[in-house]
Amino acid sequence: MTDYDETVPILQTPYQTWKLTLAYDGTDFRGWQIQPGEPTIQAELQAALGRVTGESPLPQGSGRTDAGVHALGQVASFLLHAPIPPENLQRALNRTLPSAIRILAAGTVRSTFHARHSAVAKTYEYRIFRQAICPPTLARYVHTCPWPMDVEALQTSARILEGEHDFLSFAATDPDLAARAFDPDADPNSESDPRPLPREGFQVKPPKPLTIRTIFSSTWEERQSEAGPLLVYRVRGNGFLHHMVRNLVGTMLDIGRGRISVEEIPKILTARSRSAAGPTAPAHGLFLHSVEYNRQEFELKTE
């Protein structure tokens, strides 16, 4: 049973571009991207769209969260023929999706909108529980670090990361690197290079490394939860490399514990080597908090 008027001939209606904002508990999923035989957020959303509308578009996310990573405000876009009211689609999807995935908002947008390519900024949070015994109800969503921590050193190191830097030292070195770490915003199935060829006789400056990103804000804050004290790292930037936030957190935690000094951060950035940075923090403490867009990029025309 669908939530729109089945008397309307769907195939005669034009495609509409849809934007969904969703939240999910990533614990039991192998990340966002579809993987054969594995539970993923993208696969669940595509299947739910098929059950509700009879169409099976592949939702494009603002980014591919890894296995175990959560989202408070992931964004997805896709095309649909079905002339279904946004509130009906939201309600129907939430009825058929697993309880670990919720659609927070749904609406049609300009045809030029793309959840990944249109994004101008993203914010991530990493949550750390500060006591030795973490309550089971919280354990899936925090990294437990009960040892003494120099919060001032954490804050200083976080501030150093603000601005434009080459973050290659904080990018993953797994086999996925070629497709994702150097340019996670590119289509991994495309082998084309968007840079134009120089005209004959002209010298051009070499392009910037694709591992350069701009961090707009990078801060640690102490919070008090019902279960106990938390340390939360919040970072907002124009893009992030594969495992970048988790590698930043792992390195800063080493600084907070006194294993390395704050002065090492610029050296790690300059090294452009993953081995220069600290360990990768566990996935379950990481949340994609929100994604930002220029409003004119997705608002529907009113004329």
C-alpha atoms as a PDB file:
ATOM      1  CA  MET A   1       0.000   0.000   0.000  1.00  0.00           C
ATOM      2  CA  THR A   2       1.381   3.403  -0.957  1.00  0.00           C
ATOM      3  CA  ASP A   3       0.857   6.886   0.485  1.00  0.00           C
ATOM      4  CA  TYR A   4      -0.001   8.675  -2.731  1.00  0.00           C
ATOM      5  CA  ASP A   5      -2.838   8.638  -5.237  1.00  0.00           C
ATOM      6  CA  GLU A   6      -2.329   5.479  -7.294  1.00  0.00           C
ATOM      7  CA  THR A   7      -4.699   6.812  -9.977  1.00  0.00           C
ATOM      8  CA  VAL A   8      -2.012   9.298 -11.038  1.00  0.00           C
ATOM      9  CA  PRO A   9       0.024   7.790 -13.904  1.00  0.00           C
ATOM     10  CA  ILE A  10       3.488   7.914 -12.343  1.00  0.00           C
ATOM     11  CA  LEU A  11       5.388   7.351 -15.568  1.00  0.00           C
ATOM     12  CA  GLN A  12       3.798  10.458 -17.066  1.00  0.00           C
ATOM     13  CA  THR A  13       4.955  12.722 -14.266  1.00  0.00           C
ATOM     14  CA  PRO A  14       8.399  14.367 -14.433  1.00  0.00           C
ATOM     15  CA  TYR A  15      11.197  13.363 -12.144  1.00  0.00           C
ATOM     16  CA  GLN A  16      11.561  15.403  -8.984  1.00  0.00           C
ATOM     17  CA  THR A  17      14.746  15.768  -6.972  1.00  0.00           C
ATOM     18  CA  TRP A  18      14.290  14.874  -3.313  1.00  0.00           C
ATOM     19  CA  LYS A  19      16.315  15.817  -0.249  1.00  0.00           C
ATOM     20  CA  LEU A  20      16.090  13.730   2.911  1.00  0.00           C
ATOM     21  CA  THR A  21      17.654  14.479   6.288  1.00  0.00           C
ATOM     22  CA  LEU A  22      18.120  11.327   8.339  1.00  0.00           C
ATOM     23  CA  ALA A  23      19.573  10.117  11.603  1.00  0.00           C
ATOM     24  CA  TYR A  24      20.834   6.626  12.339  1.00  0.00           C
ATOM     25  CA  ASP A  25      22.532   4.398  14.843  1.00  0.00           C
ATOM     26  CA  GLY A  26      25.384   2.954  12.806  1.00  0.00           C
ATOM     27  CA  THR A  27      26.288   0.159  15.229  1.00  0.00           C
ATOM     28  CA  ASP A  28      24.719  -2.708  13.305  1.00  0.00           C
ATOM     29  CA  PHE A  29      25.515  -1.425   9.803  1.00  0.00           C
ATOM     30  CA  ARG A  30      28.578  -1.720   7.620  1.00  0.00           C
ATOM     31  CA  GLY A  31      28.535   1.999   6.918  1.00  0.00           C
ATOM     32  CA  TRP A  32      26.577   4.079   4.426  1.00  0.00           C
ATOM     33  CA  GLN A  33      27.569   2.623   1.065  1.00  0.00           C
ATOM     34  CA  ILE A  34      25.935  -0.478  -0.389  1.00  0.00           C
ATOM     35  CA  GLN A  35      28.067  -3.618  -0.031  1.00  0.00           C
ATOM     36  CA  PRO A  36      26.995  -7.029  -1.341  1.00  0.00           C
ATOM     37  CA  GLY A  37      25.576  -9.178   1.416  1.00  0.00           C
ATOM     38  CA  GLU A  38      26.120  -6.558   4.135  1.00  0.00           C
ATOM     39  CA  PRO A  39      23.589  -4.335   5.952  1.00  0.00           C
ATOM     40  CA  THR A  40      24.181  -0.677   5.039  1.00  0.00           C
ATOM     41  CA  ILE A  41      22.222   2.554   5.430  1.00  0.00           C
ATOM     42  CA  GLN A  42      22.115   3.234   1.688  1.00  0.00           C
ATOM     43  CA  ALA A  43      20.788  -0.262   0.960  1.00  0.00           C
ATOM     44  CA  GLU A  44      18.073  -0.009   3.627  1.00  0.00           C
ATOM     45  CA  LEU A  45      16.960   3.386   2.340  1.00  0.00           C
ATOM     46  CA  GLN A  46      16.851   2.222  -1.270  1.00  0.00           C
ATOM     47  CA  ALA A  47      14.812  -0.838  -0.312  1.00  0.00           C
ATOM     48  CA  ALA A  48      12.406   1.292   1.730  1.00  0.00           C
ATOM     49  CA  LEU A  49      11.896   3.679  -1.194  1.00  0.00           C
ATOM     50  CA  GLY A  50      11.098   0.681  -3.373  1.00  0.00           C
ATOM     51  CA  ARG A  51       8.497  -0.620  -0.943  1.00  0.00           C
ATOM     52  CA  VAL A  52       6.845   2.784  -0.535  1.00  0.00           C
ATOM     53  CA  THR A  53       6.937   4.174  -4.091  1.00  0.00           C
ATOM     54  CA  GLY A  54       7.545   1.232  -6.410  1.00  0.00           C
ATOM     55  CA  GLU A  55      10.768   2.937  -7.569  1.00  0.00           C
ATOM     56  CA  SER A  56      14.298   2.116  -6.448  1.00  0.00           C
ATOM     57  CA  PRO A  57      16.561   5.139  -6.899  1.00  0.00           C
ATOM     58  CA  LEU A  58      20.009   4.906  -5.333  1.00  0.00           C
ATOM     59  CA  PRO A  59      20.130   7.633  -2.653  1.00  0.00           C
ATOM     60  CA  GLN A  60      23.309   9.695  -2.777  1.00  0.00           C
ATOM     61  CA  GLY A  61      24.586  10.662   0.668  1.00  0.00           C
ATOM     62  CA  SER A  62      26.516  13.772   1.652  1.00  0.00           C
ATOM     63  CA  GLY A  63      29.347  11.411   2.557  1.00  0.00           C
ATOM     64  CA  ARG A  64      30.040   7.761   3.241  1.00  0.00           C
ATOM     65  CA  THR A  65      30.051   7.175   6.981  1.00  0.00           C
ATOM     66  CA  ASP A  66      32.064   4.103   7.965  1.00  0.00           C
ATOM     67  CA  ALA A  67      30.907   0.961   9.742  1.00  0.00           C
ATOM     68  CA  GLY A  68      29.787   1.810  13.255  1.00  0.00           C
ATOM     69  CA  VAL A  69      29.625   5.578  12.704  1.00  0.00           C
ATOM     70  CA  HIS A  70      26.376   7.340  13.600  1.00  0.00           C
ATOM     71  CA  ALA A  71      24.542  10.315  12.094  1.00  0.00           C
ATOM     72  CA  LEU A  72      22.379  13.042  13.568  1.00  0.00           C
ATOM     73  CA  GLY A  73      21.890  14.894  10.289  1.00  0.00           C
ATOM     74  CA  GLN A  74      22.995  12.920   7.240  1.00  0.00           C
ATOM     75  CA  VAL A  75      21.561  14.197   3.951  1.00  0.00           C
ATOM     76  CA  ALA A  76      20.566  12.108   0.919  1.00  0.00           C
ATOM     77  CA  SER A  77      19.255  13.055  -2.517  1.00  0.00           C
ATOM     78  CA  PHE A  78      17.581  11.054  -5.296  1.00  0.00           C
ATOM     79  CA  LEU A  79      15.051  11.293  -8.142  1.00  0.00           C
ATOM     80  CA  LEU A  80      11.457  10.075  -8.021  1.00  0.00           C
ATOM     81  CA  HIS A  81       8.541  10.036 -10.457  1.00  0.00           C
ATOM     82  CA  ALA A  82       6.003   9.394  -7.700  1.00  0.00           C
ATOM     83  CA  PRO A  83       3.880  12.502  -6.922  1.00  0.00           C
ATOM     84  CA  ILE A  84       3.862  11.849  -3.203  1.00  0.00           C
ATOM     85  CA  PRO A  85       3.504  14.667  -0.633  1.00  0.00           C
ATOM     86  CA  PRO A  86       6.710  15.099   1.413  1.00  0.00           C
ATOM     87  CA  GLU A  87       5.028  14.462   4.755  1.00  0.00           C
ATOM     88  CA  ASN A  88       3.537  11.225   3.398  1.00  0.00           C
ATOM     89  CA  LEU A  89       6.897  10.010   2.136  1.00  0.00           C
ATOM     90  CA  GLN A  90       8.551  10.789   5.462  1.00  0.00           C
ATOM     91  CA  ARG A  91       5.844   8.974   7.409  1.00  0.00           C
ATOM     92  CA  ALA A  92       5.809   5.953   5.093  1.00  0.00           C
ATOM     93  CA  LEU A  93       9.598   5.580   5.103  1.00  0.00           C
ATOM     94  CA  ASN A  94       9.735   5.708   8.890  1.00  0.00           C
ATOM     95  CA  ARG A  95       7.111   2.968   9.049  1.00  0.00           C
ATOM     96  CA  THR A  96       9.119   0.614   6.857  1.00  0.00           C
ATOM     97  CA  LEU A  97      12.733   1.438   7.772  1.00  0.00           C
ATOM     98  CA  PRO A  98      14.498  -0.306  10.670  1.00  0.00           C
ATOM     99  CA  SER A  99      14.083   1.581  13.941  1.00  0.00           C
ATOM    100  CA  ALA A 100      17.795   2.452  13.854  1.00  0.00           C
ATOM    101  CA  ILE A 101      17.145   4.748  10.869  1.00  0.00           C
ATOM    102  CA  ARG A 102      14.770   7.726  11.032  1.00  0.00           C
ATOM    103  CA  ILE A 103      13.838  10.285   8.393  1.00  0.00           C
ATOM    104  CA  LEU A 104      13.859  13.695  10.087  1.00  0.00           C
ATOM    105  CA  ALA A 105      12.763  15.768   7.095  1.00  0.00           C
ATOM    106  CA  ALA A 106      11.792  15.240   3.457  1.00  0.00           C
ATOM    107  CA  GLY A 107      11.163  17.626   0.599  1.00  0.00           C
ATOM    108  CA  THR A 108      11.612  18.313  -3.101  1.00  0.00           C
ATOM    109  CA  VAL A 109      14.426  20.619  -4.193  1.00  0.00           C
ATOM    110  CA  ARG A 110      15.962  22.123  -7.321  1.00  0.00           C
ATOM    111  CA  SER A 111      17.062  19.633  -9.956  1.00  0.00           C
ATOM    112  CA  THR A 112      20.666  20.820  -9.578  1.00  0.00           C
ATOM    113  CA  PHE A 113      20.866  19.765  -5.925  1.00  0.00           C
ATOM    114  CA  HIS A 114      23.153  16.865  -5.003  1.00  0.00           C
ATOM    115  CA  ALA A 115      23.649  15.809  -1.393  1.00  0.00           C
ATOM    116  CA  ARG A 116      27.406  15.425  -1.774  1.00  0.00           C
ATOM    117  CA  HIS A 117      28.427  17.881  -4.497  1.00  0.00           C
ATOM    118  CA  SER A 118      26.267  20.750  -3.206  1.00  0.00           C
ATOM    119  CA  ALA A 119      27.525  20.573   0.388  1.00  0.00           C
ATOM    120  CA  VAL A 120      29.552  23.566   1.573  1.00  0.00           C
ATOM    121  CA  ALA A 121      30.363  22.399   5.111  1.00  0.00           C
ATOM    122  CA  LYS A 122      30.021  19.427   7.437  1.00  0.00           C
ATOM    123  CA  THR A 123      30.213  19.143  11.200  1.00  0.00           C
ATOM    124  CA  TYR A 124      31.295  16.011  13.073  1.00  0.00           C
ATOM    125  CA  GLU A 125      31.254  15.249  16.778  1.00  0.00           C
ATOM    126  CA  TYR A 126      33.350  12.694  18.616  1.00  0.00           C
ATOM    127  CA  ARG A 127      32.176  11.744  22.117  1.00  0.00           C
ATOM    128  CA  ILE A 128      34.365  10.414  24.923  1.00  0.00           C
ATOM    129  CA  PHE A 129      33.145   9.034  28.244  1.00  0.00           C
ATOM    130  CA  ARG A 130      35.411   9.966  31.139  1.00  0.00           C
ATOM    131  CA  GLN A 131      34.670   7.322  33.784  1.00  0.00           C
ATOM    132  CA  ALA A 132      36.032   3.795  34.059  1.00  0.00           C
ATOM    133  CA  ILE A 133      32.666   2.017  33.831  1.00  0.00           C
ATOM    134  CA  CYS A 134      30.495   3.067  30.928  1.00  0.00           C
ATOM    135  CA  PRO A 135      26.772   2.292  31.219  1.00  0.00           C
ATOM    136  CA  PRO A 136      25.626  -0.277  28.635  1.00  0.00           C
ATOM    137  CA  THR A 137      23.006   2.159  27.341  1.00  0.00           C
ATOM    138  CA  LEU A 138      25.767   4.601  26.382  1.00  0.00           C
ATOM    139  CA  ALA A 139      28.571   2.246  25.355  1.00  0.00           C
ATOM    140  CA  ARG A 140      27.508   2.084  21.693  1.00  0.00           C
ATOM    141  CA  TYR A 141      27.891   5.851  21.290  1.00  0.00           C
ATOM    142  CA  VAL A 142      31.064   6.850  23.135  1.00  0.00           C
ATOM    143  CA  HIS A 143      34.733   5.949  23.398  1.00  0.00           C
ATOM    144  CA  THR A 144      35.611   5.277  27.053  1.00  0.00           C
ATOM    145  CA  CYS A 145      38.794   7.062  28.175  1.00  0.00           C
ATOM    146  CA  PRO A 146      38.993   7.187  32.007  1.00  0.00           C
ATOM    147  CA  TRP A 147      42.671   8.117  32.306  1.00  0.00           C
ATOM    148  CA  PRO A 148      43.836  11.652  33.255  1.00  0.00           C
ATOM    149  CA  MET A 149      43.526  14.088  30.345  1.00  0.00           C
ATOM    150  CA  ASP A 150      45.027  17.552  29.837  1.00  0.00           C
ATOM    151  CA  VAL A 151      41.979  19.321  28.418  1.00  0.00           C
ATOM    152  CA  GLU A 152      43.919  22.546  27.855  1.00  0.00           C
ATOM    153  CA  ALA A 153      46.400  20.659  25.657  1.00  0.00           C
ATOM    154  CA  LEU A 154      43.500  19.111  23.738  1.00  0.00           C
ATOM    155  CA  GLN A 155      42.025  22.552  23.130  1.00  0.00           C
ATOM    156  CA  THR A 156      45.351  24.014  22.011  1.00  0.00           C
ATOM    157  CA  SER A 157      45.972  21.173  19.562  1.00  0.00           C
ATOM    158  CA  ALA A 158      42.443  21.489  18.179  1.00  0.00           C
ATOM    159  CA  ARG A 159      42.939  25.195  17.473  1.00  0.00           C
ATOM    160  CA  ILE A 160      46.175  24.527  15.589  1.00  0.00           C
ATOM    161  CA  LEU A 161      44.188  22.395  13.128  1.00  0.00           C
ATOM    162  CA  GLU A 162      41.942  25.296  12.114  1.00  0.00           C
ATOM    163  CA  GLY A 163      42.534  26.830   8.683  1.00  0.00           C
ATOM    164  CA  GLU A 164      43.684  25.299   5.403  1.00  0.00           C
ATOM    165  CA  HIS A 165      46.090  22.378   5.721  1.00  0.00           C
ATOM    166  CA  ASP A 166      47.207  19.280   3.883  1.00  0.00           C
ATOM    167  CA  PHE A 167      45.714  16.488   6.015  1.00  0.00           C
ATOM    168  CA  LEU A 168      47.378  13.544   4.263  1.00  0.00           C
ATOM    169  CA  SER A 169      48.959  12.473   7.569  1.00  0.00           C
ATOM    170  CA  PHE A 170      45.446  12.026   8.951  1.00  0.00           C
ATOM    171  CA  ALA A 171      44.026  10.086   5.988  1.00  0.00           C
ATOM    172  CA  ALA A 172      43.445   6.331   6.078  1.00  0.00           C
ATOM    173  CA  THR A 173      46.088   4.092   4.558  1.00  0.00           C
ATOM    174  CA  ASP A 174      43.760   1.148   3.808  1.00  0.00           C
ATOM    175  CA  PRO A 175      43.098  -0.220   0.290  1.00  0.00           C
ATOM    176  CA  ASP A 176      40.166   2.202  -0.067  1.00  0.00           C
ATOM    177  CA  LEU A 177      42.567   5.142  -0.067  1.00  0.00           C
ATOM    178  CA  ALA A 178      42.934   5.443  -3.817  1.00  0.00           C
ATOM    179  CA  ALA A 179      39.210   5.874  -4.306  1.00  0.00           C
ATOM    180  CA  ARG A 180      38.359   7.847  -1.204  1.00  0.00           C
ATOM    181  CA  ALA A 181      41.108   9.387   0.899  1.00  0.00           C
ATOM    182  CA  PHE A 182      42.589  11.617  -1.753  1.00  0.00           C
ATOM    183  CA  ASP A 183      39.319  12.894  -3.169  1.00  0.00           C
ATOM    184  CA  PRO A 184      36.284  11.568  -1.279  1.00  0.00           C
ATOM    185  CA  ASP A 185      34.003  14.045  -3.049  1.00  0.00           C
ATOM    186  CA  ALA A 186      34.778  12.607  -6.483  1.00  0.00           C
ATOM    187  CA  ASP A 187      32.827   9.816  -8.141  1.00  0.00           C
ATOM    188  CA  PRO A 188      34.869   6.668  -7.337  1.00  0.00           C
ATOM    189  CA  ASN A 189      33.621   5.095 -10.561  1.00  0.00           C
ATOM    190  CA  SER A 190      34.963   7.924 -12.705  1.00  0.00           C
ATOM    191  CA  GLU A 191      38.503   7.886 -14.071  1.00  0.00           C
ATOM    192  CA  SER A 192      38.268  11.348 -15.615  1.00  0.00           C
ATOM    193  CA  ASP A 193      40.359  14.271 -14.341  1.00  0.00           C
ATOM    194  CA  PRO A 194      38.317  17.496 -14.171  1.00  0.00           C
ATOM    195  CA  ARG A 195      41.399  19.726 -14.475  1.00  0.00           C
ATOM    196  CA  PRO A 196      41.750  21.218 -18.010  1.00  0.00           C
ATOM    197  CA  LEU A 197      44.898  20.597 -19.982  1.00  0.00           C
ATOM    198  CA  PRO A 198      47.238  23.618 -20.290  1.00  0.00           C
ATOM    199  CA  ARG A 199      47.452  25.378 -23.629  1.00  0.00           C
ATOM    200  CA  GLU A 200      50.666  24.847 -25.572  1.00  0.00           C
ATOM    201  CA  GLY A 201      53.397  27.276 -24.596  1.00  0.00           C
ATOM    202  CA  PHE A 202      51.824  28.167 -21.257  1.00  0.00           C
ATOM    203  CA  GLN A 203      53.160  27.112 -17.889  1.00  0.00           C
ATOM    204  CA  VAL A 204      50.671  26.399 -15.174  1.00  0.00           C
ATOM    205  CA  LYS A 205      51.111  26.043 -11.450  1.00  0.00           C
ATOM    206  CA  PRO A 206      50.826  22.469 -10.203  1.00  0.00           C
ATOM    207  CA  PRO A 207      47.406  21.792  -8.692  1.00  0.00           C
ATOM    208  CA  LYS A 208      47.011  21.745  -4.934  1.00  0.00           C
ATOM    209  CA  PRO A 209      47.147  18.289  -3.375  1.00  0.00           C
ATOM    210  CA  LEU A 210      43.673  16.783  -3.181  1.00  0.00           C
ATOM    211  CA  THR A 211      44.280  16.149   0.509  1.00  0.00           C
ATOM    212  CA  ILE A 212      44.003  19.844   1.370  1.00  0.00           C
ATOM    213  CA  ARG A 213      40.948  20.747   3.445  1.00  0.00           C
ATOM    214  CA  THR A 214      39.829  23.848   5.346  1.00  0.00           C
ATOM    215  CA  ILE A 215      38.771  23.487   8.967  1.00  0.00           C
ATOM    216  CA  PHE A 216      36.481  26.348  10.000  1.00  0.00           C
ATOM    217  CA  SER A 217      36.323  25.449  13.690  1.00  0.00           C
ATOM    218  CA  SER A 218      37.908  22.762  15.876  1.00  0.00           C
ATOM    219  CA  THR A 219      37.115  22.639  19.597  1.00  0.00           C
ATOM    220  CA  TRP A 220      36.849  20.368  22.621  1.00  0.00           C
ATOM    221  CA  GLU A 221      34.190  20.875  25.252  1.00  0.00           C
ATOM    222  CA  GLU A 222      33.286  19.198  28.523  1.00  0.00           C
ATOM    223  CA  ARG A 223      29.671  18.104  28.946  1.00  0.00           C
ATOM    224  CA  GLN A 224      27.775  16.476  31.740  1.00  0.00           C
ATOM    225  CA  SER A 225      25.450  13.624  30.828  1.00  0.00           C
ATOM    226  CA  GLU A 226      23.118  11.657  33.094  1.00  0.00           C
ATOM    227  CA  ALA A 227      25.610   8.796  32.961  1.00  0.00           C
ATOM    228  CA  GLY A 228      28.690  10.884  33.719  1.00  0.00           C
ATOM    229  CA  PRO A 229      31.161  13.410  32.264  1.00  0.00           C
ATOM    230  CA  LEU A 230      31.837  13.578  28.536  1.00  0.00           C
ATOM    231  CA  LEU A 231      34.537  15.165  26.421  1.00  0.00           C
ATOM    232  CA  VAL A 232      33.231  16.135  22.993  1.00  0.00           C
ATOM    233  CA  TYR A 233      35.329  17.107  19.986  1.00  0.00           C
ATOM    234  CA  ARG A 234      33.418  19.156  17.420  1.00  0.00           C
ATOM    235  CA  VAL A 235      34.943  19.968  14.051  1.00  0.00           C
ATOM    236  CA  ARG A 236      33.428  21.873  11.113  1.00  0.00           C
ATOM    237  CA  GLY A 237      35.096  21.955   7.716  1.00  0.00           C
ATOM    238  CA  ASN A 238      34.574  22.062   3.967  1.00  0.00           C
ATOM    239  CA  GLY A 239      35.359  18.361   3.642  1.00  0.00           C
ATOM    240  CA  PHE A 240      37.041  15.434   5.357  1.00  0.00           C
ATOM    241  CA  LEU A 241      39.301  12.612   4.216  1.00  0.00           C
ATOM    242  CA  HIS A 242      38.642   8.963   4.970  1.00  0.00           C
ATOM    243  CA  HIS A 243      39.080   8.363   8.745  1.00  0.00           C
ATOM    244  CA  MET A 244      40.345  11.954   9.104  1.00  0.00           C
ATOM    245  CA  VAL A 245      38.264  12.901  12.154  1.00  0.00           C
ATOM    246  CA  ARG A 246      39.003   9.621  13.950  1.00  0.00           C
ATOM    247  CA  ASN A 247      42.728  10.020  13.234  1.00  0.00           C
ATOM    248  CA  LEU A 248      42.664  13.610  14.496  1.00  0.00           C
ATOM    249  CA  VAL A 249      40.937  12.470  17.690  1.00  0.00           C
ATOM    250  CA  GLY A 250      43.353   9.567  18.238  1.00  0.00           C
ATOM    251  CA  THR A 251      46.332  11.907  17.829  1.00  0.00           C
ATOM    252  CA  MET A 252      44.905  14.562  20.148  1.00  0.00           C
ATOM    253  CA  LEU A 253      44.111  11.969  22.807  1.00  0.00           C
ATOM    254  CA  ASP A 254      47.795  11.020  22.777  1.00  0.00           C
ATOM    255  CA  ILE A 255      48.547  14.704  23.341  1.00  0.00           C
ATOM    256  CA  GLY A 256      46.017  14.893  26.171  1.00  0.00           C
ATOM    257  CA  ARG A 257      47.648  11.879  27.860  1.00  0.00           C
ATOM    258  CA  GLY A 258      51.125  13.388  27.513  1.00  0.00           C
ATOM    259  CA  ARG A 259      52.426  10.820  25.047  1.00  0.00           C
ATOM    260  CA  ILE A 260      53.288  13.489  22.478  1.00  0.00           C
ATOM    261  CA  SER A 261      53.474  17.280  22.728  1.00  0.00           C
ATOM    262  CA  VAL A 262      51.206  19.904  21.198  1.00  0.00           C
ATOM    263  CA  GLU A 263      54.210  21.152  19.202  1.00  0.00           C
ATOM    264  CA  GLU A 264      54.140  17.916  17.200  1.00  0.00           C
ATOM    265  CA  ILE A 265      50.904  18.855  15.368  1.00  0.00           C
ATOM    266  CA  PRO A 266      52.562  21.157  12.748  1.00  0.00           C
ATOM    267  CA  LYS A 267      55.306  18.561  12.244  1.00  0.00           C
ATOM    268  CA  ILE A 268      52.733  15.809  11.687  1.00  0.00           C
ATOM    269  CA  LEU A 269      50.930  17.945   9.093  1.00  0.00           C
ATOM    270  CA  THR A 270      54.199  18.711   7.298  1.00  0.00           C
ATOM    271  CA  ALA A 271      55.240  15.054   7.241  1.00  0.00           C
ATOM    272  CA  ARG A 272      52.323  14.082   4.955  1.00  0.00           C
ATOM    273  CA  SER A 273      52.618  10.507   6.253  1.00  0.00           C
ATOM    274  CA  ARG A 274      50.015   8.517   8.147  1.00  0.00           C
ATOM    275  CA  SER A 275      52.743   6.955  10.276  1.00  0.00           C
ATOM    276  CA  ALA A 276      53.553  10.380  11.730  1.00  0.00           C
ATOM    277  CA  ALA A 277      50.127  10.749  13.376  1.00  0.00           C
ATOM    278  CA  GLY A 278      48.511   8.911  16.259  1.00  0.00           C
ATOM    279  CA  PRO A 279      46.107   5.949  16.315  1.00  0.00           C
ATOM    280  CA  THR A 280      42.621   5.838  14.814  1.00  0.00           C
ATOM    281  CA  ALA A 281      39.911   6.387  17.426  1.00  0.00           C
ATOM    282  CA  PRO A 282      37.082   3.790  17.425  1.00  0.00           C
ATOM    283  CA  ALA A 283      34.176   4.373  15.048  1.00  0.00           C
ATOM    284  CA  HIS A 284      31.388   4.174  17.621  1.00  0.00           C
ATOM    285  CA  GLY A 285      32.230   7.550  19.190  1.00  0.00           C
ATOM    286  CA  LEU A 286      31.804   9.456  15.915  1.00  0.00           C
ATOM    287  CA  PHE A 287      28.670  11.261  14.739  1.00  0.00           C
ATOM    288  CA  LEU A 288      28.007  13.119  11.496  1.00  0.00           C
ATOM    289  CA  HIS A 289      26.302  16.056  13.186  1.00  0.00           C
ATOM    290  CA  SER A 290      25.075  18.162  10.258  1.00  0.00           C
ATOM    291  CA  VAL A 291      25.615  19.151   6.622  1.00  0.00           C
ATOM    292  CA  GLU A 292      25.327  22.700   5.297  1.00  0.00           C
ATOM    293  CA  TYR A 293      24.219  23.987   1.905  1.00  0.00           C
ATOM    294  CA  ASN A 294      23.703  27.362   0.310  1.00  0.00           C
ATOM    295  CA  ARG A 295      19.958  27.863   0.531  1.00  0.00           C
ATOM    296  CA  GLN A 296      19.652  28.889  -3.117  1.00  0.00           C
ATOM    297  CA  GLU A 297      21.194  25.547  -4.063  1.00  0.00           C
ATOM    298  CA  PHE A 298      18.170  23.562  -3.006  1.00  0.00           C
ATOM    299  CA  GLU A 299      15.167  25.848  -2.608  1.00  0.00           C
ATOM    300  CA  LEU A 300      12.502  25.292  -5.235  1.00  0.00           C
ATOM    301  CA  LYS A 301      11.750  28.160  -7.587  1.00  0.00           C
ATOM    302  CA  THR A 302       8.456  29.835  -6.747  1.00  0.00           C
ATOM    303  CA  GLU A 303       7.728  31.345 -10.130  1.00  0.00           C
END
